[in-house]
Amino acid sequence: VWDLRKKVISYVLKGHQDTISGMKLSPDGSYLLSNGMDDTVRIWDVKPFSPGNRLLKIFE
């Protein structure tokens, strides 16, 4: 996840086993939904100061 103000990578979301084909941010900016060529959809917690494991749910 890129920090636009600082122009640095804030953190890396690891989980997909293949190419990510789409992403959507929740209206309040708290969650990121990603889908990939690994046939999974993942929900990530992208709020500032969230715990280290930001992966909340996997749908296969």
Protein backbone atom coordinates (compact mmCIF):
# COMPACT_ATOMS: atom_id res chain seq x y z
CA VAL A 1 0.00 0.00 0.00
CA TRP A 2 1.47 3.30 -1.14
CA ASP A 3 1.42 6.37 1.16
CA LEU A 4 0.65 9.29 -1.15
CA ARG A 5 1.79 11.95 1.32
CA LYS A 6 5.14 10.38 2.21
CA LYS A 7 5.65 8.78 -1.22
CA VAL A 8 6.74 5.46 0.31
CA ILE A 9 5.35 1.95 0.68
CA SER A 10 3.45 1.81 3.98
CA TYR A 11 3.00 -1.96 4.04
CA VAL A 12 2.75 -4.98 1.75
CA LEU A 13 -0.36 -7.16 1.60
CA LYS A 14 0.71 -10.77 1.03
CA GLY A 15 -1.66 -13.59 0.21
CA HIS A 16 -2.61 -14.03 -3.44
CA GLN A 17 -0.80 -16.90 -5.17
CA ASP A 18 -1.18 -15.41 -8.66
CA THR A 19 -1.77 -12.08 -10.42
CA ILE A 20 -4.21 -9.64 -8.79
CA SER A 21 -6.84 -8.75 -11.37
CA GLY A 22 -8.87 -6.16 -9.47
CA MET A 23 -9.11 -4.07 -6.32
CA LYS A 24 -11.80 -1.91 -4.75
CA LEU A 25 -11.54 0.35 -1.69
CA SER A 26 -14.53 0.62 0.65
CA PRO A 27 -16.30 4.01 0.68
CA ASP A 28 -14.82 4.88 4.09
CA GLY A 29 -11.31 3.76 3.07
CA SER A 30 -11.06 1.13 5.81
CA TYR A 31 -11.15 -2.04 3.72
CA LEU A 32 -9.69 -3.23 0.44
CA LEU A 33 -11.24 -6.01 -1.61
CA SER A 34 -8.91 -7.80 -4.03
CA ASN A 35 -9.54 -10.58 -6.52
CA GLY A 36 -6.92 -12.61 -8.28
CA MET A 37 -6.15 -15.20 -10.91
CA ASP A 38 -5.80 -17.68 -8.02
CA ASP A 39 -9.64 -17.76 -7.92
CA THR A 40 -9.84 -16.01 -4.55
CA VAL A 41 -11.33 -12.78 -3.27
CA ARG A 42 -9.71 -11.29 -0.19
CA ILE A 43 -10.79 -8.58 2.23
CA TRP A 44 -8.00 -6.54 3.83
CA ASP A 45 -8.03 -4.12 6.76
CA VAL A 46 -6.19 -1.03 5.50
CA LYS A 47 -6.99 1.32 8.39
CA PRO A 48 -3.95 3.10 9.88
CA PHE A 49 -2.45 1.39 12.94
CA SER A 50 -4.21 -1.93 12.26
CA PRO A 51 -2.54 -5.10 13.56
CA GLY A 52 0.18 -6.78 11.52
CA ASN A 53 -2.06 -9.37 9.84
CA ARG A 54 -4.39 -7.28 7.72
CA LEU A 55 -6.09 -10.17 5.91
CA LEU A 56 -9.61 -10.50 7.30
CA LYS A 57 -11.38 -12.99 5.02
CA ILE A 58 -10.74 -15.24 2.00
CA PHE A 59 -13.48 -16.36 -0.40
CA GLU A 60 -12.64 -19.24 -2.74
